[in-house]
All heavy atoms as atom14 arrays in JSON, in Angstrom:
{
  "sequence": "MPGGVPVATVALNGAKNAGILAAQIIGSSDPKVLDKIVHYKESLKQA",
  "atom14_mask": [
    [1, 1, 1, 1, 1, 1, 1, 1, 0, 0, 0, 0, 0, 0],
    [1, 1, 1, 1, 1, 1, 1, 0, 0, 0, 0, 0, 0, 0],
    [1, 1, 1, 1, 0, 0, 0, 0, 0, 0, 0, 0, 0, 0],
    [1, 1, 1, 1, 0, 0, 0, 0, 0, 0, 0, 0, 0, 0],
    [1, 1, 1, 1, 1, 1, 1, 0, 0, 0, 0, 0, 0, 0],
    [1, 1, 1, 1, 1, 1, 1, 0, 0, 0, 0, 0, 0, 0],
    [1, 1, 1, 1, 1, 1, 1, 0, 0, 0, 0, 0, 0, 0],
    [1, 1, 1, 1, 1, 0, 0, 0, 0, 0, 0, 0, 0, 0],
    [1, 1, 1, 1, 1, 1, 1, 0, 0, 0, 0, 0, 0, 0],
    [1, 1, 1, 1, 1, 1, 1, 0, 0, 0, 0, 0, 0, 0],
    [1, 1, 1, 1, 1, 0, 0, 0, 0, 0, 0, 0, 0, 0],
    [1, 1, 1, 1, 1, 1, 1, 1, 0, 0, 0, 0, 0, 0],
    [1, 1, 1, 1, 1, 1, 1, 1, 0, 0, 0, 0, 0, 0],
    [1, 1, 1, 1, 0, 0, 0, 0, 0, 0, 0, 0, 0, 0],
    [1, 1, 1, 1, 1, 0, 0, 0, 0, 0, 0, 0, 0, 0],
    [1, 1, 1, 1, 1, 1, 1, 1, 1, 0, 0, 0, 0, 0],
    [1, 1, 1, 1, 1, 1, 1, 1, 0, 0, 0, 0, 0, 0],
    [1, 1, 1, 1, 1, 0, 0, 0, 0, 0, 0, 0, 0, 0],
    [1, 1, 1, 1, 0, 0, 0, 0, 0, 0, 0, 0, 0, 0],
    [1, 1, 1, 1, 1, 1, 1, 1, 0, 0, 0, 0, 0, 0],
    [1, 1, 1, 1, 1, 1, 1, 1, 0, 0, 0, 0, 0, 0],
    [1, 1, 1, 1, 1, 0, 0, 0, 0, 0, 0, 0, 0, 0],
    [1, 1, 1, 1, 1, 0, 0, 0, 0, 0, 0, 0, 0, 0],
    [1, 1, 1, 1, 1, 1, 1, 1, 1, 0, 0, 0, 0, 0],
    [1, 1, 1, 1, 1, 1, 1, 1, 0, 0, 0, 0, 0, 0],
    [1, 1, 1, 1, 1, 1, 1, 1, 0, 0, 0, 0, 0, 0],
    [1, 1, 1, 1, 0, 0, 0, 0, 0, 0, 0, 0, 0, 0],
    [1, 1, 1, 1, 1, 1, 0, 0, 0, 0, 0, 0, 0, 0],
    [1, 1, 1, 1, 1, 1, 0, 0, 0, 0, 0, 0, 0, 0],
    [1, 1, 1, 1, 1, 1, 1, 1, 0, 0, 0, 0, 0, 0],
    [1, 1, 1, 1, 1, 1, 1, 0, 0, 0, 0, 0, 0, 0],
    [1, 1, 1, 1, 1, 1, 1, 1, 1, 0, 0, 0, 0, 0],
    [1, 1, 1, 1, 1, 1, 1, 0, 0, 0, 0, 0, 0, 0],
    [1, 1, 1, 1, 1, 1, 1, 1, 0, 0, 0, 0, 0, 0],
    [1, 1, 1, 1, 1, 1, 1, 1, 0, 0, 0, 0, 0, 0],
    [1, 1, 1, 1, 1, 1, 1, 1, 1, 0, 0, 0, 0, 0],
    [1, 1, 1, 1, 1, 1, 1, 1, 0, 0, 0, 0, 0, 0],
    [1, 1, 1, 1, 1, 1, 1, 0, 0, 0, 0, 0, 0, 0],
    [1, 1, 1, 1, 1, 1, 1, 1, 1, 1, 0, 0, 0, 0],
    [1, 1, 1, 1, 1, 1, 1, 1, 1, 1, 1, 1, 0, 0],
    [1, 1, 1, 1, 1, 1, 1, 1, 1, 0, 0, 0, 0, 0],
    [1, 1, 1, 1, 1, 1, 1, 1, 1, 0, 0, 0, 0, 0],
    [1, 1, 1, 1, 1, 1, 0, 0, 0, 0, 0, 0, 0, 0],
    [1, 1, 1, 1, 1, 1, 1, 1, 0, 0, 0, 0, 0, 0],
    [1, 1, 1, 1, 1, 1, 1, 1, 1, 0, 0, 0, 0, 0],
    [1, 1, 1, 1, 1, 1, 1, 1, 1, 0, 0, 0, 0, 0],
    [1, 1, 1, 1, 1, 0, 0, 0, 0, 0, 0, 0, 0, 0]
  ],
  "atom14_positions": [
    [[15.55, -1.52, -20.6], [16.92, -1.98, -20.49], [17.28, -2.98, -21.52], [16.44, -3.78, -21.91], [17.13, -2.57, -19.06], [16.99, -1.55, -17.97], [18.2, -0.18, -18.08], [19.74, -1.08, -17.99], [0.0, 0.0, 0.0], [0.0, 0.0, 0.0], [0.0, 0.0, 0.0], [0.0, 0.0, 0.0], [0.0, 0.0, 0.0], [0.0, 0.0, 0.0]],
    [[18.54, -3.03, -21.95], [18.99, -4.02, -22.92], [19.03, -5.38, -22.31], [19.17, -5.55, -21.08], [20.39, -3.52, -23.31], [20.87, -2.78, -22.15], [19.65, -2.14, -21.54], [0.0, 0.0, 0.0], [0.0, 0.0, 0.0], [0.0, 0.0, 0.0], [0.0, 0.0, 0.0], [0.0, 0.0, 0.0], [0.0, 0.0, 0.0], [0.0, 0.0, 0.0]],
    [[18.9, -6.41, -23.16], [19.09, -7.81, -22.69], [20.31, -7.98, -21.87], [21.43, -7.53, -22.28], [0.0, 0.0, 0.0], [0.0, 0.0, 0.0], [0.0, 0.0, 0.0], [0.0, 0.0, 0.0], [0.0, 0.0, 0.0], [0.0, 0.0, 0.0], [0.0, 0.0, 0.0], [0.0, 0.0, 0.0], [0.0, 0.0, 0.0], [0.0, 0.0, 0.0]],
    [[20.23, -8.72, -20.75], [21.38, -9.05, -19.9], [21.61, -8.03, -18.79], [22.45, -8.29, -17.92], [0.0, 0.0, 0.0], [0.0, 0.0, 0.0], [0.0, 0.0, 0.0], [0.0, 0.0, 0.0], [0.0, 0.0, 0.0], [0.0, 0.0, 0.0], [0.0, 0.0, 0.0], [0.0, 0.0, 0.0], [0.0, 0.0, 0.0], [0.0, 0.0, 0.0]],
    [[20.82, -6.93, -18.76], [20.94, -5.91, -17.73], [19.58, -5.62, -17.2], [19.0, -4.59, -17.45], [21.69, -4.68, -18.21], [21.95, -3.74, -17.04], [22.96, -4.93, -18.93], [0.0, 0.0, 0.0], [0.0, 0.0, 0.0], [0.0, 0.0, 0.0], [0.0, 0.0, 0.0], [0.0, 0.0, 0.0], [0.0, 0.0, 0.0], [0.0, 0.0, 0.0]],
    [[18.96, -6.58, -16.45], [17.6, -6.36, -15.96], [17.49, -5.35, -14.85], [18.34, -5.3, -14.0], [17.15, -7.75, -15.5], [18.43, -8.41, -15.08], [19.51, -7.86, -16.0], [0.0, 0.0, 0.0], [0.0, 0.0, 0.0], [0.0, 0.0, 0.0], [0.0, 0.0, 0.0], [0.0, 0.0, 0.0], [0.0, 0.0, 0.0], [0.0, 0.0, 0.0]],
    [[16.44, -4.57, -14.89], [15.96, -3.7, -13.77], [14.48, -3.92, -13.59], [13.7, -3.76, -14.55], [16.27, -2.28, -14.07], [15.68, -1.36, -12.97], [17.75, -1.99, -14.21], [0.0, 0.0, 0.0], [0.0, 0.0, 0.0], [0.0, 0.0, 0.0], [0.0, 0.0, 0.0], [0.0, 0.0, 0.0], [0.0, 0.0, 0.0], [0.0, 0.0, 0.0]],
    [[14.1, -4.38, -12.41], [12.7, -4.48, -12.09], [12.21, -3.07, -11.95], [12.82, -2.29, -11.2], [12.44, -5.33, -10.84], [0.0, 0.0, 0.0], [0.0, 0.0, 0.0], [0.0, 0.0, 0.0], [0.0, 0.0, 0.0], [0.0, 0.0, 0.0], [0.0, 0.0, 0.0], [0.0, 0.0, 0.0], [0.0, 0.0, 0.0], [0.0, 0.0, 0.0]],
    [[11.13, -2.7, -12.61], [10.63, -1.34, -12.63], [9.23, -1.23, -12.03], [8.41, -1.96, -12.46], [10.64, -0.73, -14.02], [11.97, -1.01, -14.64], [10.38, 0.71, -14.11], [0.0, 0.0, 0.0], [0.0, 0.0, 0.0], [0.0, 0.0, 0.0], [0.0, 0.0, 0.0], [0.0, 0.0, 0.0], [0.0, 0.0, 0.0], [0.0, 0.0, 0.0]],
    [[9.07, -0.3, -11.07], [7.78, -0.04, -10.48], [7.15, 1.22, -11.12], [7.85, 1.89, -11.96], [7.83, 0.06, -8.96], [8.33, -1.26, -8.37], [8.78, 1.23, -8.52], [0.0, 0.0, 0.0], [0.0, 0.0, 0.0], [0.0, 0.0, 0.0], [0.0, 0.0, 0.0], [0.0, 0.0, 0.0], [0.0, 0.0, 0.0], [0.0, 0.0, 0.0]],
    [[6.02, 1.52, -10.73], [5.26, 2.7, -11.25], [5.97, 4.03, -10.95], [6.83, 4.11, -9.98], [3.84, 2.77, -10.75], [0.0, 0.0, 0.0], [0.0, 0.0, 0.0], [0.0, 0.0, 0.0], [0.0, 0.0, 0.0], [0.0, 0.0, 0.0], [0.0, 0.0, 0.0], [0.0, 0.0, 0.0], [0.0, 0.0, 0.0], [0.0, 0.0, 0.0]],
    [[5.63, 5.06, -11.72], [6.1, 6.4, -11.45], [5.91, 6.76, -10.03], [4.76, 6.62, -9.54], [5.44, 7.35, -12.4], [5.92, 8.75, -12.44], [7.37, 8.83, -12.89], [5.0, 9.63, -13.32], [0.0, 0.0, 0.0], [0.0, 0.0, 0.0], [0.0, 0.0, 0.0], [0.0, 0.0, 0.0], [0.0, 0.0, 0.0], [0.0, 0.0, 0.0]],
    [[6.91, 7.13, -9.27], [6.87, 7.51, -7.9], [6.39, 6.3, -6.99], [5.93, 6.51, -5.86], [5.92, 8.7, -7.64], [6.49, 10.0, -8.13], [7.69, 10.01, -8.54], [5.72, 11.03, -8.16], [0.0, 0.0, 0.0], [0.0, 0.0, 0.0], [0.0, 0.0, 0.0], [0.0, 0.0, 0.0], [0.0, 0.0, 0.0], [0.0, 0.0, 0.0]],
    [[6.6, 5.12, -7.5], [6.09, 3.86, -6.78], [7.12, 3.28, -5.85], [7.32, 2.05, -5.76], [0.0, 0.0, 0.0], [0.0, 0.0, 0.0], [0.0, 0.0, 0.0], [0.0, 0.0, 0.0], [0.0, 0.0, 0.0], [0.0, 0.0, 0.0], [0.0, 0.0, 0.0], [0.0, 0.0, 0.0], [0.0, 0.0, 0.0], [0.0, 0.0, 0.0]],
    [[7.78, 4.09, -5.01], [8.79, 3.62, -4.09], [8.29, 2.63, -3.07], [8.99, 1.67, -2.67], [9.51, 4.77, -3.39], [0.0, 0.0, 0.0], [0.0, 0.0, 0.0], [0.0, 0.0, 0.0], [0.0, 0.0, 0.0], [0.0, 0.0, 0.0], [0.0, 0.0, 0.0], [0.0, 0.0, 0.0], [0.0, 0.0, 0.0], [0.0, 0.0, 0.0]],
    [[7.08, 2.83, -2.59], [6.47, 1.87, -1.62], [6.49, 0.46, -2.2], [6.89, -0.5, -1.53], [5.09, 2.27, -1.19], [4.53, 1.32, -0.09], [3.18, 1.86, 0.38], [2.67, 0.97, 1.51], [1.35, 1.44, 2.0], [0.0, 0.0, 0.0], [0.0, 0.0, 0.0], [0.0, 0.0, 0.0], [0.0, 0.0, 0.0], [0.0, 0.0, 0.0]],
    [[6.01, 0.31, -3.5], [6.03, -1.01, -4.13], [7.44, -1.55, -4.26], [7.62, -2.78, -4.18], [5.3, -0.95, -5.47], [3.79, -1.11, -5.28], [3.3, -1.41, -4.17], [3.07, -0.95, -6.38], [0.0, 0.0, 0.0], [0.0, 0.0, 0.0], [0.0, 0.0, 0.0], [0.0, 0.0, 0.0], [0.0, 0.0, 0.0], [0.0, 0.0, 0.0]],
    [[8.37, -0.67, -4.55], [9.82, -1.09, -4.65], [10.28, -1.66, -3.32], [10.9, -2.73, -3.31], [10.63, 0.09, -5.08], [0.0, 0.0, 0.0], [0.0, 0.0, 0.0], [0.0, 0.0, 0.0], [0.0, 0.0, 0.0], [0.0, 0.0, 0.0], [0.0, 0.0, 0.0], [0.0, 0.0, 0.0], [0.0, 0.0, 0.0], [0.0, 0.0, 0.0]],
    [[9.87, -1.05, -2.23], [10.22, -1.59, -0.93], [9.62, -2.92, -0.63], [10.22, -3.82, -0.12], [0.0, 0.0, 0.0], [0.0, 0.0, 0.0], [0.0, 0.0, 0.0], [0.0, 0.0, 0.0], [0.0, 0.0, 0.0], [0.0, 0.0, 0.0], [0.0, 0.0, 0.0], [0.0, 0.0, 0.0], [0.0, 0.0, 0.0], [0.0, 0.0, 0.0]],
    [[8.34, -3.05, -0.96], [7.66, -4.3, -0.79], [8.32, -5.4, -1.66], [8.46, -6.49, -1.19], [6.12, -4.16, -1.13], [5.49, -3.19, -0.09], [5.45, -5.54, -1.17], [4.08, -2.73, -0.47], [0.0, 0.0, 0.0], [0.0, 0.0, 0.0], [0.0, 0.0, 0.0], [0.0, 0.0, 0.0], [0.0, 0.0, 0.0], [0.0, 0.0, 0.0]],
    [[8.59, -5.09, -2.93], [9.22, -6.05, -3.83], [10.56, -6.53, -3.26], [10.9, -7.66, -3.25], [9.33, -5.5, -5.2], [10.03, -6.41, -6.28], [9.23, -7.77, -6.37], [10.03, -5.68, -7.6], [0.0, 0.0, 0.0], [0.0, 0.0, 0.0], [0.0, 0.0, 0.0], [0.0, 0.0, 0.0], [0.0, 0.0, 0.0], [0.0, 0.0, 0.0]],
    [[11.34, -5.51, -2.78], [12.61, -5.87, -2.15], [12.4, -6.85, -0.98], [13.19, -7.79, -0.85], [13.37, -4.62, -1.76], [0.0, 0.0, 0.0], [0.0, 0.0, 0.0], [0.0, 0.0, 0.0], [0.0, 0.0, 0.0], [0.0, 0.0, 0.0], [0.0, 0.0, 0.0], [0.0, 0.0, 0.0], [0.0, 0.0, 0.0], [0.0, 0.0, 0.0]],
    [[11.45, -6.53, -0.13], [11.2, -7.43, 1.01], [10.75, -8.83, 0.56], [11.12, -9.81, 1.15], [10.07, -6.79, 1.9], [0.0, 0.0, 0.0], [0.0, 0.0, 0.0], [0.0, 0.0, 0.0], [0.0, 0.0, 0.0], [0.0, 0.0, 0.0], [0.0, 0.0, 0.0], [0.0, 0.0, 0.0], [0.0, 0.0, 0.0], [0.0, 0.0, 0.0]],
    [[9.93, -8.88, -0.52], [9.53, -10.19, -1.1], [10.74, -10.94, -1.64], [10.8, -12.21, -1.42], [8.47, -10.03, -2.17], [7.15, -9.52, -1.57], [6.1, -9.2, -2.66], [6.41, -8.54, -3.67], [4.9, -9.66, -2.44], [0.0, 0.0, 0.0], [0.0, 0.0, 0.0], [0.0, 0.0, 0.0], [0.0, 0.0, 0.0], [0.0, 0.0, 0.0]],
    [[11.65, -10.25, -2.25], [12.87, -10.94, -2.78], [13.65, -11.54, -1.57], [14.06, -12.72, -1.57], [13.77, -9.98, -3.59], [13.01, -9.63, -4.89], [15.13, -10.59, -3.81], [13.7, -8.43, -5.64], [0.0, 0.0, 0.0], [0.0, 0.0, 0.0], [0.0, 0.0, 0.0], [0.0, 0.0, 0.0], [0.0, 0.0, 0.0], [0.0, 0.0, 0.0]],
    [[13.83, -10.72, -0.53], [14.55, -11.22, 0.66], [13.75, -12.33, 1.33], [14.31, -13.33, 1.78], [14.81, -10.03, 1.63], [15.84, -9.1, 1.0], [15.3, -10.54, 3.03], [16.06, -7.77, 1.69], [0.0, 0.0, 0.0], [0.0, 0.0, 0.0], [0.0, 0.0, 0.0], [0.0, 0.0, 0.0], [0.0, 0.0, 0.0], [0.0, 0.0, 0.0]],
    [[12.4, -12.16, 1.38], [11.57, -13.14, 2.06], [11.58, -14.49, 1.35], [11.27, -15.51, 1.98], [0.0, 0.0, 0.0], [0.0, 0.0, 0.0], [0.0, 0.0, 0.0], [0.0, 0.0, 0.0], [0.0, 0.0, 0.0], [0.0, 0.0, 0.0], [0.0, 0.0, 0.0], [0.0, 0.0, 0.0], [0.0, 0.0, 0.0], [0.0, 0.0, 0.0]],
    [[11.97, -14.58, 0.07], [12.06, -15.88, -0.59], [13.06, -16.75, 0.07], [13.04, -17.98, -0.2], [12.3, -15.67, -2.07], [13.62, -15.19, -2.3], [0.0, 0.0, 0.0], [0.0, 0.0, 0.0], [0.0, 0.0, 0.0], [0.0, 0.0, 0.0], [0.0, 0.0, 0.0], [0.0, 0.0, 0.0], [0.0, 0.0, 0.0], [0.0, 0.0, 0.0]],
    [[14.04, -16.22, 0.84], [15.07, -17.04, 1.51], [15.13, -16.75, 2.97], [15.92, -17.32, 3.64], [16.41, -16.86, 0.85], [16.78, -15.53, 0.96], [0.0, 0.0, 0.0], [0.0, 0.0, 0.0], [0.0, 0.0, 0.0], [0.0, 0.0, 0.0], [0.0, 0.0, 0.0], [0.0, 0.0, 0.0], [0.0, 0.0, 0.0], [0.0, 0.0, 0.0]],
    [[14.32, -15.82, 3.48], [14.33, -15.54, 4.91], [12.92, -15.67, 5.47], [12.06, -14.84, 5.24], [14.8, -14.07, 5.13], [14.97, -13.61, 6.59], [14.17, -14.15, 7.42], [15.74, -12.72, 6.81], [0.0, 0.0, 0.0], [0.0, 0.0, 0.0], [0.0, 0.0, 0.0], [0.0, 0.0, 0.0], [0.0, 0.0, 0.0], [0.0, 0.0, 0.0]],
    [[12.68, -16.78, 6.26], [11.29, -17.06, 6.77], [10.74, -15.96, 7.64], [9.52, -15.71, 7.61], [11.47, -18.37, 7.51], [12.78, -18.9, 7.06], [13.63, -17.83, 6.6], [0.0, 0.0, 0.0], [0.0, 0.0, 0.0], [0.0, 0.0, 0.0], [0.0, 0.0, 0.0], [0.0, 0.0, 0.0], [0.0, 0.0, 0.0], [0.0, 0.0, 0.0]],
    [[11.56, -15.23, 8.35], [11.06, -14.18, 9.22], [10.5, -13.0, 8.39], [9.41, -12.49, 8.7], [12.13, -13.63, 10.13], [12.5, -14.65, 11.2], [13.57, -14.08, 12.13], [14.0, -15.1, 13.14], [15.1, -14.65, 13.99], [0.0, 0.0, 0.0], [0.0, 0.0, 0.0], [0.0, 0.0, 0.0], [0.0, 0.0, 0.0], [0.0, 0.0, 0.0]],
    [[11.17, -12.62, 7.33], [10.69, -11.56, 6.4], [9.45, -12.06, 5.64], [8.49, -11.37, 5.5], [11.78, -11.08, 5.5], [11.25, -10.08, 4.44], [12.97, -10.48, 6.29], [0.0, 0.0, 0.0], [0.0, 0.0, 0.0], [0.0, 0.0, 0.0], [0.0, 0.0, 0.0], [0.0, 0.0, 0.0], [0.0, 0.0, 0.0], [0.0, 0.0, 0.0]],
    [[9.5, -13.29, 5.21], [8.34, -13.89, 4.56], [7.08, -13.8, 5.39], [6.02, -13.48, 4.92], [8.64, -15.28, 4.1], [7.49, -16.03, 3.32], [7.2, -15.28, 2.0], [7.9, -17.47, 3.08], [0.0, 0.0, 0.0], [0.0, 0.0, 0.0], [0.0, 0.0, 0.0], [0.0, 0.0, 0.0], [0.0, 0.0, 0.0], [0.0, 0.0, 0.0]],
    [[7.2, -14.15, 6.66], [6.08, -14.12, 7.58], [5.56, -12.67, 7.71], [4.33, -12.48, 7.71], [6.51, -14.62, 8.93], [5.35, -14.8, 9.89], [4.34, -15.47, 9.54], [5.4, -14.23, 11.01], [0.0, 0.0, 0.0], [0.0, 0.0, 0.0], [0.0, 0.0, 0.0], [0.0, 0.0, 0.0], [0.0, 0.0, 0.0], [0.0, 0.0, 0.0]],
    [[6.4, -11.7, 7.76], [5.96, -10.27, 7.82], [5.24, -9.92, 6.55], [4.21, -9.15, 6.56], [7.18, -9.38, 8.05], [7.76, -9.45, 9.42], [8.96, -8.55, 9.51], [9.82, -8.67, 10.7], [9.5, -9.13, 11.93], [0.0, 0.0, 0.0], [0.0, 0.0, 0.0], [0.0, 0.0, 0.0], [0.0, 0.0, 0.0], [0.0, 0.0, 0.0]],
    [[5.68, -10.38, 5.31], [5.02, -10.13, 4.13], [3.59, -10.77, 4.14], [2.64, -10.12, 3.7], [5.83, -10.63, 2.88], [7.12, -9.9, 2.78], [5.02, -10.6, 1.56], [7.05, -8.48, 2.31], [0.0, 0.0, 0.0], [0.0, 0.0, 0.0], [0.0, 0.0, 0.0], [0.0, 0.0, 0.0], [0.0, 0.0, 0.0], [0.0, 0.0, 0.0]],
    [[3.52, -11.99, 4.58], [2.22, -12.7, 4.64], [1.28, -11.89, 5.49], [0.11, -11.61, 5.15], [2.39, -14.12, 5.18], [1.05, -14.74, 5.49], [3.17, -14.99, 4.17], [0.0, 0.0, 0.0], [0.0, 0.0, 0.0], [0.0, 0.0, 0.0], [0.0, 0.0, 0.0], [0.0, 0.0, 0.0], [0.0, 0.0, 0.0], [0.0, 0.0, 0.0]],
    [[1.67, -11.43, 6.66], [0.89, -10.61, 7.54], [0.51, -9.29, 6.93], [-0.62, -8.79, 7.08], [1.55, -10.45, 8.9], [1.54, -11.66, 9.71], [0.43, -12.25, 10.27], [2.57, -12.46, 10.09], [0.75, -13.31, 10.94], [2.06, -13.48, 10.87], [0.0, 0.0, 0.0], [0.0, 0.0, 0.0], [0.0, 0.0, 0.0], [0.0, 0.0, 0.0]],
    [[1.44, -8.68, 6.27], [1.15, -7.41, 5.6], [0.05, -7.54, 4.5], [-0.86, -6.78, 4.46], [2.45, -6.88, 4.94], [2.24, -5.6, 4.12], [2.07, -4.38, 4.8], [2.18, -5.57, 2.76], [1.85, -3.19, 4.11], [1.88, -4.42, 2.02], [1.76, -3.24, 2.69], [1.55, -2.08, 2.04], [0.0, 0.0, 0.0], [0.0, 0.0, 0.0]],
    [[0.18, -8.64, 3.71], [-0.8, -8.85, 2.68], [-2.18, -9.13, 3.26], [-3.18, -8.68, 2.76], [-0.35, -10.07, 1.74], [0.88, -9.79, 0.99], [0.68, -9.19, -0.32], [1.98, -9.09, -1.08], [1.77, -8.77, -2.46], [0.0, 0.0, 0.0], [0.0, 0.0, 0.0], [0.0, 0.0, 0.0], [0.0, 0.0, 0.0], [0.0, 0.0, 0.0]],
    [[-2.25, -9.85, 4.37], [-3.46, -10.1, 5.04], [-4.02, -8.79, 5.59], [-5.27, -8.59, 5.49], [-3.25, -11.12, 6.23], [-4.5, -11.45, 6.96], [-5.57, -12.18, 6.17], [-5.18, -12.88, 5.15], [-6.72, -12.06, 6.51], [0.0, 0.0, 0.0], [0.0, 0.0, 0.0], [0.0, 0.0, 0.0], [0.0, 0.0, 0.0], [0.0, 0.0, 0.0]],
    [[-3.22, -7.91, 6.04], [-3.76, -6.55, 6.58], [-4.31, -5.76, 5.4], [-5.34, -5.02, 5.62], [-2.64, -5.83, 7.24], [-1.74, -5.25, 6.37], [0.0, 0.0, 0.0], [0.0, 0.0, 0.0], [0.0, 0.0, 0.0], [0.0, 0.0, 0.0], [0.0, 0.0, 0.0], [0.0, 0.0, 0.0], [0.0, 0.0, 0.0], [0.0, 0.0, 0.0]],
    [[-3.8, -5.89, 4.24], [-4.38, -5.18, 3.08], [-5.79, -5.75, 2.78], [-6.73, -5.0, 2.55], [-3.49, -5.33, 1.82], [-2.14, -4.74, 1.85], [-1.33, -5.09, 0.6], [-2.2, -3.24, 1.96], [0.0, 0.0, 0.0], [0.0, 0.0, 0.0], [0.0, 0.0, 0.0], [0.0, 0.0, 0.0], [0.0, 0.0, 0.0], [0.0, 0.0, 0.0]],
    [[-5.86, -7.05, 2.76], [-7.17, -7.72, 2.55], [-8.17, -7.28, 3.61], [-9.3, -6.89, 3.26], [-6.95, -9.26, 2.61], [-8.27, -9.98, 2.43], [-8.07, -11.49, 2.41], [-8.59, -12.11, 3.62], [-8.41, -13.54, 3.68], [0.0, 0.0, 0.0], [0.0, 0.0, 0.0], [0.0, 0.0, 0.0], [0.0, 0.0, 0.0], [0.0, 0.0, 0.0]],
    [[-7.79, -7.3, 4.9], [-8.7, -6.91, 5.96], [-9.1, -5.43, 5.85], [-10.28, -5.14, 6.14], [-8.09, -7.18, 7.32], [-7.84, -8.67, 7.64], [-9.26, -9.41, 7.56], [-10.28, -8.93, 8.0], [-9.17, -10.59, 6.94], [0.0, 0.0, 0.0], [0.0, 0.0, 0.0], [0.0, 0.0, 0.0], [0.0, 0.0, 0.0], [0.0, 0.0, 0.0]],
    [[-8.2, -4.59, 5.46], [-8.6, -3.18, 5.21], [-9.7, -3.0, 4.19], [-10.58, -2.18, 4.4], [-7.36, -2.36, 4.87], [0.0, 0.0, 0.0], [0.0, 0.0, 0.0], [0.0, 0.0, 0.0], [0.0, 0.0, 0.0], [0.0, 0.0, 0.0], [0.0, 0.0, 0.0], [0.0, 0.0, 0.0], [0.0, 0.0, 0.0], [0.0, 0.0, 0.0]]
  ]
}
């Protein structure tokens, strides 16, 4: 993308990561969503 028109880009067919990134963006100002992200990341570690 040209300067001034940003698009955050995930991997080819990486829609799951796009969803997680969107949740993280929202979580930066919504404590309830942030808490869900924290728990999700912990579940990845535990797996």
